[in-house]
Amino acid sequence: INTVQNFKIAGIKRGMLNVLAEHKIPKKLQGKLINLCFDNILSGDETLAIKVFSLQCIANITKEHPELIPELKAAIEDQLPKTTVGFHARARVVMKELGRQK
């Protein structure tokens, strides 16, 4: 997780986040990943794929930490007017997942 934030090449960062989105993250690393992913989502410089995989990483962690749901929803709502249709599509999926967790 420490190395992901240091990658300057979007393709490598995207690939690493994709892997992280598919695996259960140990509790001791979840905080760093959450911070990294929120930074990615709210950044105007990150690619769509990096934002989408970051959304999924946080959504996965909310299953263990539901207190993150309001913050993730707020980040999604903040980004909707600024992003593409691809982000909107993944945001709808994530919002449905979050709604089912309540």
N, C-alpha and C. Protein backbone atom coordinates (compact mmCIF):
# COMPACT_ATOMS: atom_id res chain seq x y z
N ILE A 1 0.83 -1.19 0.00
CA ILE A 1 0.00 0.00 0.00
C ILE A 1 0.88 1.25 0.00
N ASN A 2 1.97 1.21 0.73
CA ASN A 2 2.88 2.36 0.73
C ASN A 2 3.43 2.63 -0.66
N THR A 3 3.70 1.58 -1.41
CA THR A 3 4.29 1.77 -2.73
C THR A 3 3.27 2.25 -3.75
N VAL A 4 2.00 1.94 -3.57
CA VAL A 4 0.98 2.35 -4.55
C VAL A 4 0.95 3.86 -4.68
N GLN A 5 1.01 4.57 -3.58
CA GLN A 5 0.92 6.02 -3.65
C GLN A 5 2.16 6.65 -4.28
N ASN A 6 3.26 5.91 -4.35
CA ASN A 6 4.49 6.45 -4.94
C ASN A 6 4.57 6.24 -6.45
N PHE A 7 3.72 5.37 -7.00
CA PHE A 7 3.75 5.12 -8.44
C PHE A 7 3.27 6.36 -9.19
N LYS A 8 4.02 6.74 -10.19
CA LYS A 8 3.64 7.88 -11.03
C LYS A 8 2.93 7.42 -12.30
N ILE A 9 3.13 6.17 -12.69
CA ILE A 9 2.52 5.63 -13.90
C ILE A 9 1.12 5.13 -13.54
N ALA A 10 0.11 5.72 -14.18
CA ALA A 10 -1.28 5.42 -13.85
C ALA A 10 -1.62 3.94 -14.03
N GLY A 11 -1.06 3.31 -15.05
CA GLY A 11 -1.35 1.90 -15.31
C GLY A 11 -0.91 0.99 -14.18
N ILE A 12 0.22 1.27 -13.60
CA ILE A 12 0.72 0.46 -12.48
C ILE A 12 -0.15 0.69 -11.25
N LYS A 13 -0.46 1.95 -10.98
CA LYS A 13 -1.31 2.29 -9.83
C LYS A 13 -2.69 1.62 -9.99
N ARG A 14 -3.23 1.70 -11.20
CA ARG A 14 -4.53 1.09 -11.49
C ARG A 14 -4.50 -0.41 -11.25
N GLY A 15 -3.46 -1.07 -11.73
CA GLY A 15 -3.33 -2.51 -11.55
C GLY A 15 -3.22 -2.91 -10.09
N MET A 16 -2.45 -2.15 -9.33
CA MET A 16 -2.31 -2.45 -7.90
C MET A 16 -3.63 -2.25 -7.16
N LEU A 17 -4.35 -1.18 -7.48
CA LEU A 17 -5.64 -0.94 -6.83
C LEU A 17 -6.66 -2.01 -7.22
N ASN A 18 -6.58 -2.48 -8.44
CA ASN A 18 -7.46 -3.57 -8.88
C ASN A 18 -7.22 -4.81 -8.03
N VAL A 19 -5.97 -5.14 -7.81
CA VAL A 19 -5.62 -6.30 -6.97
C VAL A 19 -6.12 -6.08 -5.55
N LEU A 20 -5.89 -4.89 -5.01
CA LEU A 20 -6.33 -4.60 -3.65
C LEU A 20 -7.85 -4.65 -3.52
N ALA A 21 -8.56 -4.25 -4.58
CA ALA A 21 -10.03 -4.28 -4.55
C ALA A 21 -10.56 -5.71 -4.54
N GLU A 22 -9.76 -6.65 -4.99
CA GLU A 22 -10.20 -8.05 -5.08
C GLU A 22 -9.82 -8.88 -3.87
N HIS A 23 -9.07 -8.32 -2.95
CA HIS A 23 -8.59 -9.09 -1.80
C HIS A 23 -8.99 -8.45 -0.48
N LYS A 24 -9.07 -9.28 0.54
CA LYS A 24 -9.34 -8.79 1.90
C LYS A 24 -8.05 -8.15 2.42
N ILE A 25 -8.18 -6.95 2.93
CA ILE A 25 -7.02 -6.19 3.40
C ILE A 25 -6.89 -6.38 4.91
N PRO A 26 -5.68 -6.71 5.39
CA PRO A 26 -5.48 -6.85 6.84
C PRO A 26 -5.82 -5.54 7.57
N LYS A 27 -6.37 -5.68 8.77
CA LYS A 27 -6.80 -4.51 9.54
C LYS A 27 -5.70 -3.47 9.72
N LYS A 28 -4.46 -3.92 9.91
CA LYS A 28 -3.38 -2.97 10.18
C LYS A 28 -3.05 -2.09 8.96
N LEU A 29 -3.49 -2.51 7.76
CA LEU A 29 -3.22 -1.73 6.55
C LEU A 29 -4.45 -0.97 6.05
N GLN A 30 -5.60 -1.24 6.63
CA GLN A 30 -6.83 -0.64 6.13
C GLN A 30 -6.82 0.89 6.23
N GLY A 31 -6.29 1.44 7.31
CA GLY A 31 -6.27 2.89 7.47
C GLY A 31 -5.50 3.59 6.36
N LYS A 32 -4.33 3.06 6.04
CA LYS A 32 -3.52 3.64 4.96
C LYS A 32 -4.24 3.54 3.63
N LEU A 33 -4.86 2.38 3.38
CA LEU A 33 -5.57 2.20 2.12
C LEU A 33 -6.77 3.14 2.02
N ILE A 34 -7.49 3.29 3.11
CA ILE A 34 -8.65 4.19 3.11
C ILE A 34 -8.20 5.61 2.78
N ASN A 35 -7.16 6.09 3.42
CA ASN A 35 -6.66 7.45 3.15
C ASN A 35 -6.22 7.60 1.70
N LEU A 36 -5.48 6.62 1.20
CA LEU A 36 -5.02 6.66 -0.19
C LEU A 36 -6.21 6.70 -1.14
N CYS A 37 -7.19 5.85 -0.89
CA CYS A 37 -8.34 5.77 -1.80
C CYS A 37 -9.19 7.03 -1.77
N PHE A 38 -9.42 7.60 -0.59
CA PHE A 38 -10.16 8.86 -0.54
C PHE A 38 -9.40 9.96 -1.28
N ASP A 39 -8.08 10.00 -1.11
CA ASP A 39 -7.28 10.98 -1.85
C ASP A 39 -7.44 10.79 -3.35
N ASN A 40 -7.43 9.53 -3.80
CA ASN A 40 -7.59 9.24 -5.23
C ASN A 40 -8.96 9.67 -5.74
N ILE A 41 -10.00 9.36 -4.97
CA ILE A 41 -11.36 9.68 -5.39
C ILE A 41 -11.54 11.20 -5.52
N LEU A 42 -11.02 11.93 -4.57
CA LEU A 42 -11.23 13.38 -4.54
C LEU A 42 -10.25 14.17 -5.40
N SER A 43 -9.24 13.49 -5.92
CA SER A 43 -8.23 14.16 -6.74
C SER A 43 -8.78 14.45 -8.14
N GLY A 44 -8.46 15.62 -8.63
CA GLY A 44 -8.82 15.95 -10.00
C GLY A 44 -7.84 15.39 -11.01
N ASP A 45 -6.73 14.86 -10.54
CA ASP A 45 -5.67 14.39 -11.43
C ASP A 45 -5.70 12.90 -11.73
N GLU A 46 -6.46 12.13 -10.96
CA GLU A 46 -6.45 10.67 -11.14
C GLU A 46 -7.37 10.24 -12.28
N THR A 47 -7.03 9.11 -12.88
CA THR A 47 -7.83 8.58 -13.98
C THR A 47 -9.12 7.95 -13.44
N LEU A 48 -10.05 7.73 -14.35
CA LEU A 48 -11.32 7.11 -14.00
C LEU A 48 -11.11 5.76 -13.34
N ALA A 49 -10.27 4.92 -13.91
CA ALA A 49 -10.06 3.57 -13.38
C ALA A 49 -9.50 3.61 -11.96
N ILE A 50 -8.59 4.51 -11.70
CA ILE A 50 -8.01 4.63 -10.35
C ILE A 50 -9.10 5.05 -9.36
N LYS A 51 -9.96 5.97 -9.77
CA LYS A 51 -11.06 6.40 -8.89
C LYS A 51 -12.03 5.25 -8.64
N VAL A 52 -12.35 4.50 -9.69
CA VAL A 52 -13.31 3.39 -9.58
C VAL A 52 -12.76 2.29 -8.67
N PHE A 53 -11.52 1.90 -8.85
CA PHE A 53 -10.95 0.86 -7.99
C PHE A 53 -10.81 1.36 -6.55
N SER A 54 -10.55 2.64 -6.39
CA SER A 54 -10.49 3.22 -5.05
C SER A 54 -11.86 3.17 -4.37
N LEU A 55 -12.91 3.47 -5.14
CA LEU A 55 -14.28 3.35 -4.61
C LEU A 55 -14.53 1.94 -4.11
N GLN A 56 -14.15 0.96 -4.94
CA GLN A 56 -14.42 -0.43 -4.58
C GLN A 56 -13.62 -0.86 -3.36
N CYS A 57 -12.38 -0.42 -3.26
CA CYS A 57 -11.57 -0.76 -2.07
C CYS A 57 -12.24 -0.27 -0.80
N ILE A 58 -12.70 0.98 -0.81
CA ILE A 58 -13.35 1.51 0.39
C ILE A 58 -14.67 0.81 0.63
N ALA A 59 -15.44 0.56 -0.42
CA ALA A 59 -16.73 -0.13 -0.26
C ALA A 59 -16.52 -1.50 0.39
N ASN A 60 -15.47 -2.19 0.00
CA ASN A 60 -15.18 -3.50 0.60
C ASN A 60 -14.88 -3.37 2.10
N ILE A 61 -14.15 -2.34 2.46
CA ILE A 61 -13.77 -2.14 3.86
C ILE A 61 -14.98 -1.73 4.71
N THR A 62 -15.98 -1.09 4.09
CA THR A 62 -17.15 -0.67 4.87
C THR A 62 -17.93 -1.86 5.42
N LYS A 63 -17.70 -3.04 4.88
CA LYS A 63 -18.37 -4.23 5.42
C LYS A 63 -17.90 -4.50 6.85
N GLU A 64 -16.65 -4.18 7.14
CA GLU A 64 -16.11 -4.32 8.49
C GLU A 64 -16.23 -3.02 9.29
N HIS A 65 -16.29 -1.91 8.59
CA HIS A 65 -16.33 -0.59 9.24
C HIS A 65 -17.47 0.25 8.65
N PRO A 66 -18.71 -0.06 9.01
CA PRO A 66 -19.85 0.67 8.43
C PRO A 66 -19.86 2.16 8.76
N GLU A 67 -19.08 2.58 9.73
CA GLU A 67 -19.02 4.00 10.05
C GLU A 67 -18.42 4.83 8.92
N LEU A 68 -17.79 4.17 7.94
CA LEU A 68 -17.22 4.86 6.78
C LEU A 68 -18.25 5.15 5.69
N ILE A 69 -19.42 4.54 5.80
CA ILE A 69 -20.43 4.67 4.74
C ILE A 69 -20.81 6.13 4.48
N PRO A 70 -21.14 6.93 5.50
CA PRO A 70 -21.51 8.32 5.21
C PRO A 70 -20.40 9.11 4.52
N GLU A 71 -19.16 8.87 4.93
CA GLU A 71 -18.03 9.58 4.31
C GLU A 71 -17.86 9.17 2.85
N LEU A 72 -18.02 7.88 2.57
CA LEU A 72 -17.89 7.41 1.19
C LEU A 72 -19.02 7.97 0.33
N LYS A 73 -20.24 7.96 0.86
CA LYS A 73 -21.37 8.52 0.11
C LYS A 73 -21.13 10.00 -0.19
N ALA A 74 -20.62 10.73 0.79
CA ALA A 74 -20.34 12.16 0.59
C ALA A 74 -19.28 12.37 -0.49
N ALA A 75 -18.26 11.53 -0.50
CA ALA A 75 -17.21 11.64 -1.52
C ALA A 75 -17.78 11.35 -2.91
N ILE A 76 -18.64 10.34 -3.00
CA ILE A 76 -19.26 10.01 -4.28
C ILE A 76 -20.11 11.18 -4.76
N GLU A 77 -20.95 11.71 -3.88
CA GLU A 77 -21.82 12.83 -4.25
C GLU A 77 -21.02 14.06 -4.65
N ASP A 78 -19.89 14.28 -4.00
CA ASP A 78 -19.02 15.40 -4.34
C ASP A 78 -18.46 15.25 -5.76
N GLN A 79 -18.15 14.03 -6.14
CA GLN A 79 -17.50 13.79 -7.43
C GLN A 79 -18.46 13.66 -8.61
N LEU A 80 -19.72 13.35 -8.37
CA LEU A 80 -20.66 13.11 -9.47
C LEU A 80 -20.70 14.24 -10.49
N PRO A 81 -20.79 15.51 -10.09
CA PRO A 81 -20.84 16.56 -11.10
C PRO A 81 -19.52 16.78 -11.84
N LYS A 82 -18.44 16.22 -11.32
CA LYS A 82 -17.10 16.49 -11.87
C LYS A 82 -16.55 15.34 -12.72
N THR A 83 -17.26 14.22 -12.76
CA THR A 83 -16.68 13.02 -13.37
C THR A 83 -17.50 12.53 -14.56
N THR A 84 -17.03 11.42 -15.11
CA THR A 84 -17.61 10.87 -16.34
C THR A 84 -18.72 9.87 -16.06
N VAL A 85 -19.33 9.42 -17.14
CA VAL A 85 -20.39 8.42 -17.06
C VAL A 85 -19.87 7.13 -16.45
N GLY A 86 -18.64 6.78 -16.70
CA GLY A 86 -18.05 5.57 -16.13
C GLY A 86 -18.01 5.62 -14.61
N PHE A 87 -17.67 6.77 -14.08
CA PHE A 87 -17.66 6.94 -12.62
C PHE A 87 -19.09 6.83 -12.09
N HIS A 88 -20.03 7.44 -12.79
CA HIS A 88 -21.43 7.39 -12.36
C HIS A 88 -21.92 5.95 -12.30
N ALA A 89 -21.55 5.15 -13.29
CA ALA A 89 -21.99 3.75 -13.32
C ALA A 89 -21.46 2.98 -12.11
N ARG A 90 -20.19 3.12 -11.82
CA ARG A 90 -19.61 2.40 -10.67
C ARG A 90 -20.16 2.97 -9.37
N ALA A 91 -20.38 4.27 -9.33
CA ALA A 91 -20.93 4.90 -8.12
C ALA A 91 -22.31 4.33 -7.81
N ARG A 92 -23.14 4.11 -8.84
CA ARG A 92 -24.46 3.51 -8.63
C ARG A 92 -24.34 2.13 -8.01
N VAL A 93 -23.42 1.32 -8.53
CA VAL A 93 -23.21 -0.03 -8.00
C VAL A 93 -22.77 0.03 -6.54
N VAL A 94 -21.81 0.89 -6.25
CA VAL A 94 -21.30 1.02 -4.89
C VAL A 94 -22.39 1.53 -3.95
N MET A 95 -23.17 2.50 -4.40
CA MET A 95 -24.25 3.03 -3.55
C MET A 95 -25.28 1.94 -3.23
N LYS A 96 -25.58 1.08 -4.20
CA LYS A 96 -26.49 -0.04 -3.94
C LYS A 96 -25.90 -0.97 -2.89
N GLU A 97 -24.60 -1.28 -3.03
CA GLU A 97 -23.92 -2.13 -2.04
C GLU A 97 -24.02 -1.51 -0.65
N LEU A 98 -23.77 -0.23 -0.57
CA LEU A 98 -23.80 0.46 0.72
C LEU A 98 -25.20 0.46 1.31
N GLY A 99 -26.20 0.60 0.46
CA GLY A 99 -27.59 0.59 0.92
C GLY A 99 -28.00 -0.75 1.50
N ARG A 100 -27.44 -1.83 0.97
CA ARG A 100 -27.76 -3.17 1.45
C ARG A 100 -27.09 -3.49 2.79
N GLN A 101 -26.07 -2.74 3.14
CA GLN A 101 -25.33 -3.02 4.38
C GLN A 101 -26.03 -2.51 5.62
N LYS A 102 -27.00 -1.64 5.47
CA LYS A 102 -27.63 -1.03 6.65
C LYS A 102 -28.44 -1.99 7.43
